[in-house]
Amino acid sequence: MISLTRLNGSRFVLNAELIRTVEASPDSVVTLVNGDRFIVAETPEEIVRRAIEYGRALRSMLPPD
C-alpha cells in the first residue's frame, strides 16, 4: 500500500498492485486496473518510487529459497 494525497489535501492509501498507469496531465492521474482514476498531488516519479519501495518491502518478507 502507498500513501497519496488528493488535490484537496486529504490523504489516502492505495494498493499499489492495482495501478495500471500513472500520467501527468498536468496533475498526476493514477488509473487502476478496474478503471477507477485518482488525481493526486504527487508527481508520477514519486508514485513510481513509492510503488517500487512497496514491492521491495513485500519481497523482503518472502522466506529464503
PDB file of N, CA and C in Angstrom:
ATOM      1  N   MET A   1       0.848  -1.174   0.000  1.00  0.00           N
ATOM      2  CA  MET A   1       0.000   0.000   0.000  1.00  0.00           C
ATOM      3  C   MET A   1       0.892   1.235   0.000  1.00  0.00           C
ATOM      4  N   ILE A   2       0.463   2.250  -0.731  1.00  0.00           N
ATOM      5  CA  ILE A   2       1.205   3.512  -0.753  1.00  0.00           C
ATOM      6  C   ILE A   2       0.269   4.642  -0.348  1.00  0.00           C
ATOM      7  N   SER A   3       0.827   5.629   0.320  1.00  0.00           N
ATOM      8  CA  SER A   3       0.061   6.784   0.765  1.00  0.00           C
ATOM      9  C   SER A   3       0.159   7.877  -0.296  1.00  0.00           C
ATOM     10  N   LEU A   4      -0.994   8.445  -0.665  1.00  0.00           N
ATOM     11  CA  LEU A   4      -1.052   9.517  -1.658  1.00  0.00           C
ATOM     12  C   LEU A   4      -1.913  10.659  -1.130  1.00  0.00           C
ATOM     13  N   THR A   5      -1.839  11.799  -1.824  1.00  0.00           N
ATOM     14  CA  THR A   5      -2.565  12.998  -1.405  1.00  0.00           C
ATOM     15  C   THR A   5      -3.474  13.488  -2.528  1.00  0.00           C
ATOM     16  N   ARG A   6      -4.755  13.606  -2.237  1.00  0.00           N
ATOM     17  CA  ARG A   6      -5.677  14.210  -3.215  1.00  0.00           C
ATOM     18  C   ARG A   6      -5.356  15.700  -3.332  1.00  0.00           C
ATOM     19  N   LEU A   7      -5.835  16.342  -4.365  1.00  0.00           N
ATOM     20  CA  LEU A   7      -5.546  17.767  -4.568  1.00  0.00           C
ATOM     21  C   LEU A   7      -6.130  18.646  -3.472  1.00  0.00           C
ATOM     22  N   ASN A   8      -7.162  18.160  -2.780  1.00  0.00           N
ATOM     23  CA  ASN A   8      -7.744  18.939  -1.678  1.00  0.00           C
ATOM     24  C   ASN A   8      -6.961  18.772  -0.376  1.00  0.00           C
ATOM     25  N   GLY A   9      -5.865  17.981  -0.419  1.00  0.00           N
ATOM     26  CA  GLY A   9      -5.013  17.801   0.746  1.00  0.00           C
ATOM     27  C   GLY A   9      -5.313  16.570   1.571  1.00  0.00           C
ATOM     28  N   SER A  10      -6.405  15.875   1.295  1.00  0.00           N
ATOM     29  CA  SER A  10      -6.714  14.675   2.079  1.00  0.00           C
ATOM     30  C   SER A  10      -5.819  13.518   1.637  1.00  0.00           C
ATOM     31  N   ARG A  11      -5.402  12.732   2.614  1.00  0.00           N
ATOM     32  CA  ARG A  11      -4.508  11.606   2.366  1.00  0.00           C
ATOM     33  C   ARG A  11      -5.332  10.324   2.258  1.00  0.00           C
ATOM     34  N   PHE A  12      -4.861   9.397   1.436  1.00  0.00           N
ATOM     35  CA  PHE A  12      -5.486   8.081   1.344  1.00  0.00           C
ATOM     36  C   PHE A  12      -4.417   7.054   1.014  1.00  0.00           C
ATOM     37  N   VAL A  13      -4.753   5.795   1.215  1.00  0.00           N
ATOM     38  CA  VAL A  13      -3.814   4.708   0.968  1.00  0.00           C
ATOM     39  C   VAL A  13      -4.343   3.883  -0.201  1.00  0.00           C
ATOM     40  N   LEU A  14      -3.453   3.579  -1.136  1.00  0.00           N
ATOM     41  CA  LEU A  14      -3.830   2.883  -2.360  1.00  0.00           C
ATOM     42  C   LEU A  14      -3.030   1.595  -2.490  1.00  0.00           C
ATOM     43  N   ASN A  15      -3.688   0.536  -2.908  1.00  0.00           N
ATOM     44  CA  ASN A  15      -2.997  -0.724  -3.167  1.00  0.00           C
ATOM     45  C   ASN A  15      -2.195  -0.560  -4.455  1.00  0.00           C
ATOM     46  N   ALA A  16      -0.876  -0.492  -4.341  1.00  0.00           N
ATOM     47  CA  ALA A  16      -0.004  -0.236  -5.486  1.00  0.00           C
ATOM     48  C   ALA A  16      -0.086  -1.341  -6.536  1.00  0.00           C
ATOM     49  N   GLU A  17      -0.514  -2.531  -6.144  1.00  0.00           N
ATOM     50  CA  GLU A  17      -0.613  -3.630  -7.093  1.00  0.00           C
ATOM     51  C   GLU A  17      -1.769  -3.444  -8.078  1.00  0.00           C
ATOM     52  N   LEU A  18      -2.663  -2.514  -7.805  1.00  0.00           N
ATOM     53  CA  LEU A  18      -3.809  -2.262  -8.684  1.00  0.00           C
ATOM     54  C   LEU A  18      -3.563  -1.147  -9.698  1.00  0.00           C
ATOM     55  N   ILE A  19      -2.384  -0.528  -9.661  1.00  0.00           N
ATOM     56  CA  ILE A  19      -2.094   0.583 -10.568  1.00  0.00           C
ATOM     57  C   ILE A  19      -1.839   0.051 -11.975  1.00  0.00           C
ATOM     58  N   ARG A  20      -2.565   0.613 -12.940  1.00  0.00           N
ATOM     59  CA  ARG A  20      -2.349   0.282 -14.351  1.00  0.00           C
ATOM     60  C   ARG A  20      -1.450   1.329 -14.990  1.00  0.00           C
ATOM     61  N   THR A  21      -1.799   2.624 -14.820  1.00  0.00           N
ATOM     62  CA  THR A  21      -0.984   3.689 -15.406  1.00  0.00           C
ATOM     63  C   THR A  21      -0.904   4.879 -14.462  1.00  0.00           C
ATOM     64  N   VAL A  22       0.151   5.665 -14.658  1.00  0.00           N
ATOM     65  CA  VAL A  22       0.314   6.938 -13.958  1.00  0.00           C
ATOM     66  C   VAL A  22       0.688   7.955 -15.029  1.00  0.00           C
ATOM     67  N   GLU A  23      -0.085   9.042 -15.111  1.00  0.00           N
ATOM     68  CA  GLU A  23       0.145  10.060 -16.135  1.00  0.00           C
ATOM     69  C   GLU A  23       0.242  11.438 -15.491  1.00  0.00           C
ATOM     70  N   ALA A  24       0.948  12.340 -16.164  1.00  0.00           N
ATOM     71  CA  ALA A  24       0.973  13.747 -15.768  1.00  0.00           C
ATOM     72  C   ALA A  24       0.240  14.523 -16.846  1.00  0.00           C
ATOM     73  N   SER A  25      -0.863  15.203 -16.454  1.00  0.00           N
ATOM     74  CA  SER A  25      -1.652  15.880 -17.493  1.00  0.00           C
ATOM     75  C   SER A  25      -2.400  17.120 -17.015  1.00  0.00           C
ATOM     76  N   PRO A  26      -1.905  18.167 -16.486  1.00  0.00           N
ATOM     77  CA  PRO A  26      -0.615  18.349 -15.825  1.00  0.00           C
ATOM     78  C   PRO A  26      -0.589  17.743 -14.427  1.00  0.00           C
ATOM     79  N   ASP A  27      -1.766  17.539 -13.794  1.00  0.00           N
ATOM     80  CA  ASP A  27      -1.762  16.869 -12.488  1.00  0.00           C
ATOM     81  C   ASP A  27      -1.542  15.377 -12.706  1.00  0.00           C
ATOM     82  N   SER A  28      -1.083  14.699 -11.683  1.00  0.00           N
ATOM     83  CA  SER A  28      -0.854  13.254 -11.790  1.00  0.00           C
ATOM     84  C   SER A  28      -2.176  12.507 -11.696  1.00  0.00           C
ATOM     85  N   VAL A  29      -2.412  11.630 -12.661  1.00  0.00           N
ATOM     86  CA  VAL A  29      -3.625  10.819 -12.701  1.00  0.00           C
ATOM     87  C   VAL A  29      -3.205   9.358 -12.594  1.00  0.00           C
ATOM     88  N   VAL A  30      -3.703   8.685 -11.561  1.00  0.00           N
ATOM     89  CA  VAL A  30      -3.432   7.263 -11.344  1.00  0.00           C
ATOM     90  C   VAL A  30      -4.670   6.504 -11.795  1.00  0.00           C
ATOM     91  N   THR A  31      -4.492   5.600 -12.754  1.00  0.00           N
ATOM     92  CA  THR A  31      -5.592   4.766 -13.234  1.00  0.00           C
ATOM     93  C   THR A  31      -5.358   3.347 -12.743  1.00  0.00           C
ATOM     94  N   LEU A  32      -6.411   2.761 -12.162  1.00  0.00           N
ATOM     95  CA  LEU A  32      -6.315   1.406 -11.633  1.00  0.00           C
ATOM     96  C   LEU A  32      -6.785   0.385 -12.664  1.00  0.00           C
ATOM     97  N   VAL A  33      -6.518  -0.879 -12.417  1.00  0.00           N
ATOM     98  CA  VAL A  33      -6.899  -1.937 -13.349  1.00  0.00           C
ATOM     99  C   VAL A  33      -8.412  -2.017 -13.550  1.00  0.00           C
ATOM    100  N   ASN A  34      -9.200  -1.538 -12.584  1.00  0.00           N
ATOM    101  CA  ASN A  34     -10.657  -1.567 -12.728  1.00  0.00           C
ATOM    102  C   ASN A  34     -11.215  -0.307 -13.390  1.00  0.00           C
ATOM    103  N   GLY A  35     -10.317   0.618 -13.793  1.00  0.00           N
ATOM    104  CA  GLY A  35     -10.741   1.832 -14.481  1.00  0.00           C
ATOM    105  C   GLY A  35     -10.912   3.044 -13.585  1.00  0.00           C
ATOM    106  N   ASP A  36     -10.918   2.851 -12.267  1.00  0.00           N
ATOM    107  CA  ASP A  36     -11.014   3.989 -11.350  1.00  0.00           C
ATOM    108  C   ASP A  36      -9.805   4.900 -11.546  1.00  0.00           C
ATOM    109  N   ARG A  37     -10.032   6.211 -11.391  1.00  0.00           N
ATOM    110  CA  ARG A  37      -8.956   7.188 -11.546  1.00  0.00           C
ATOM    111  C   ARG A  37      -8.880   8.076 -10.317  1.00  0.00           C
ATOM    112  N   PHE A  38      -7.665   8.418  -9.953  1.00  0.00           N
ATOM    113  CA  PHE A  38      -7.410   9.338  -8.847  1.00  0.00           C
ATOM    114  C   PHE A  38      -6.470  10.424  -9.332  1.00  0.00           C
ATOM    115  N   ILE A  39      -6.824  11.677  -9.030  1.00  0.00           N
ATOM    116  CA  ILE A  39      -5.935  12.801  -9.318  1.00  0.00           C
ATOM    117  C   ILE A  39      -5.227  13.121  -8.010  1.00  0.00           C
ATOM    118  N   VAL A  40      -3.890  13.111  -8.048  1.00  0.00           N
ATOM    119  CA  VAL A  40      -3.122  13.253  -6.814  1.00  0.00           C
ATOM    120  C   VAL A  40      -2.053  14.334  -6.955  1.00  0.00           C
ATOM    121  N   ALA A  41      -1.560  14.783  -5.795  1.00  0.00           N
ATOM    122  CA  ALA A  41      -0.562  15.858  -5.749  1.00  0.00           C
ATOM    123  C   ALA A  41       0.844  15.366  -6.067  1.00  0.00           C
ATOM    124  N   GLU A  42       1.139  14.096  -5.795  1.00  0.00           N
ATOM    125  CA  GLU A  42       2.483  13.575  -6.023  1.00  0.00           C
ATOM    126  C   GLU A  42       2.796  13.513  -7.524  1.00  0.00           C
ATOM    127  N   THR A  43       4.068  13.624  -7.854  1.00  0.00           N
ATOM    128  CA  THR A  43       4.491  13.504  -9.252  1.00  0.00           C
ATOM    129  C   THR A  43       4.466  12.029  -9.667  1.00  0.00           C
ATOM    130  N   PRO A  44       4.378  11.771 -10.970  1.00  0.00           N
ATOM    131  CA  PRO A  44       4.454  10.368 -11.412  1.00  0.00           C
ATOM    132  C   PRO A  44       5.726   9.676 -10.925  1.00  0.00           C
ATOM    133  N   GLU A  45       6.830  10.392 -10.918  1.00  0.00           N
ATOM    134  CA  GLU A  45       8.094   9.811 -10.462  1.00  0.00           C
ATOM    135  C   GLU A  45       8.021   9.387  -8.998  1.00  0.00           C
ATOM    136  N   GLU A  46       7.378  10.212  -8.175  1.00  0.00           N
ATOM    137  CA  GLU A  46       7.227   9.892  -6.750  1.00  0.00           C
ATOM    138  C   GLU A  46       6.306   8.694  -6.558  1.00  0.00           C
ATOM    139  N   ILE A  47       5.246   8.628  -7.331  1.00  0.00           N
ATOM    140  CA  ILE A  47       4.314   7.498  -7.231  1.00  0.00           C
ATOM    141  C   ILE A  47       5.026   6.197  -7.612  1.00  0.00           C
ATOM    142  N   VAL A  48       5.787   6.237  -8.699  1.00  0.00           N
ATOM    143  CA  VAL A  48       6.538   5.052  -9.126  1.00  0.00           C
ATOM    144  C   VAL A  48       7.554   4.665  -8.061  1.00  0.00           C
ATOM    145  N   ARG A  49       8.255   5.646  -7.481  1.00  0.00           N
ATOM    146  CA  ARG A  49       9.241   5.366  -6.440  1.00  0.00           C
ATOM    147  C   ARG A  49       8.573   4.660  -5.256  1.00  0.00           C
ATOM    148  N   ARG A  50       7.419   5.164  -4.842  1.00  0.00           N
ATOM    149  CA  ARG A  50       6.710   4.552  -3.712  1.00  0.00           C
ATOM    150  C   ARG A  50       6.227   3.149  -4.045  1.00  0.00           C
ATOM    151  N   ALA A  51       5.760   2.945  -5.271  1.00  0.00           N
ATOM    152  CA  ALA A  51       5.294   1.613  -5.677  1.00  0.00           C
ATOM    153  C   ALA A  51       6.456   0.616  -5.699  1.00  0.00           C
ATOM    154  N   ILE A  52       7.611   1.050  -6.180  1.00  0.00           N
ATOM    155  CA  ILE A  52       8.793   0.180  -6.189  1.00  0.00           C
ATOM    156  C   ILE A  52       9.216  -0.142  -4.762  1.00  0.00           C
ATOM    157  N   GLU A  53       9.222   0.871  -3.914  1.00  0.00           N
ATOM    158  CA  GLU A  53       9.574   0.676  -2.498  1.00  0.00           C
ATOM    159  C   GLU A  53       8.617  -0.329  -1.837  1.00  0.00           C
ATOM    160  N   TYR A  54       7.346  -0.212  -2.144  1.00  0.00           N
ATOM    161  CA  TYR A  54       6.332  -1.135  -1.617  1.00  0.00           C
ATOM    162  C   TYR A  54       6.629  -2.561  -2.082  1.00  0.00           C
ATOM    163  N   GLY A  55       6.919  -2.729  -3.381  1.00  0.00           N
ATOM    164  CA  GLY A  55       7.231  -4.055  -3.913  1.00  0.00           C
ATOM    165  C   GLY A  55       8.468  -4.657  -3.264  1.00  0.00           C
ATOM    166  N   ARG A  56       9.477  -3.836  -3.058  1.00  0.00           N
ATOM    167  CA  ARG A  56      10.694  -4.320  -2.399  1.00  0.00           C
ATOM    168  C   ARG A  56      10.405  -4.759  -0.966  1.00  0.00           C
ATOM    169  N   ALA A  57       9.570  -3.999  -0.276  1.00  0.00           N
ATOM    170  CA  ALA A  57       9.220  -4.353   1.103  1.00  0.00           C
ATOM    171  C   ALA A  57       8.491  -5.695   1.134  1.00  0.00           C
ATOM    172  N   LEU A  58       7.606  -5.924   0.176  1.00  0.00           N
ATOM    173  CA  LEU A  58       6.901  -7.211   0.117  1.00  0.00           C
ATOM    174  C   LEU A  58       7.866  -8.353  -0.142  1.00  0.00           C
ATOM    175  N   ARG A  59       8.773  -8.173  -1.101  1.00  0.00           N
ATOM    176  CA  ARG A  59       9.726  -9.241  -1.431  1.00  0.00           C
ATOM    177  C   ARG A  59      10.674  -9.543  -0.273  1.00  0.00           C
ATOM    178  N   SER A  60      10.959  -8.544   0.546  1.00  0.00           N
ATOM    179  CA  SER A  60      11.858  -8.776   1.672  1.00  0.00           C
ATOM    180  C   SER A  60      11.199  -9.668   2.736  1.00  0.00           C
ATOM    181  N   MET A  61       9.890  -9.801   2.687  1.00  0.00           N
ATOM    182  CA  MET A  61       9.176 -10.642   3.655  1.00  0.00           C
ATOM    183  C   MET A  61       9.116 -12.105   3.221  1.00  0.00           C
ATOM    184  N   LEU A  62       9.512 -12.399   1.989  1.00  0.00           N
ATOM    185  CA  LEU A  62       9.462 -13.783   1.498  1.00  0.00           C
ATOM    186  C   LEU A  62      10.512 -14.627   2.209  1.00  0.00           C
ATOM    187  N   PRO A  63      10.191 -15.883   2.475  1.00  0.00           N
ATOM    188  CA  PRO A  63      11.193 -16.754   3.090  1.00  0.00           C
ATOM    189  C   PRO A  63      12.328 -17.025   2.100  1.00  0.00           C
ATOM    190  N   PRO A  64      13.523 -17.273   2.593  1.00  0.00           N
ATOM    191  CA  PRO A  64      14.656 -17.576   1.698  1.00  0.00           C
ATOM    192  C   PRO A  64      14.381 -18.843   0.882  1.00  0.00           C
ATOM    193  N   ASP A  65      14.953 -18.904  -0.302  1.00  0.00           N
ATOM    194  CA  ASP A  65      14.792 -20.090  -1.169  1.00  0.00           C
ATOM    195  C   ASP A  65      15.490 -21.290  -0.613  1.00  0.00           C
TER     196      ASP A  65
END
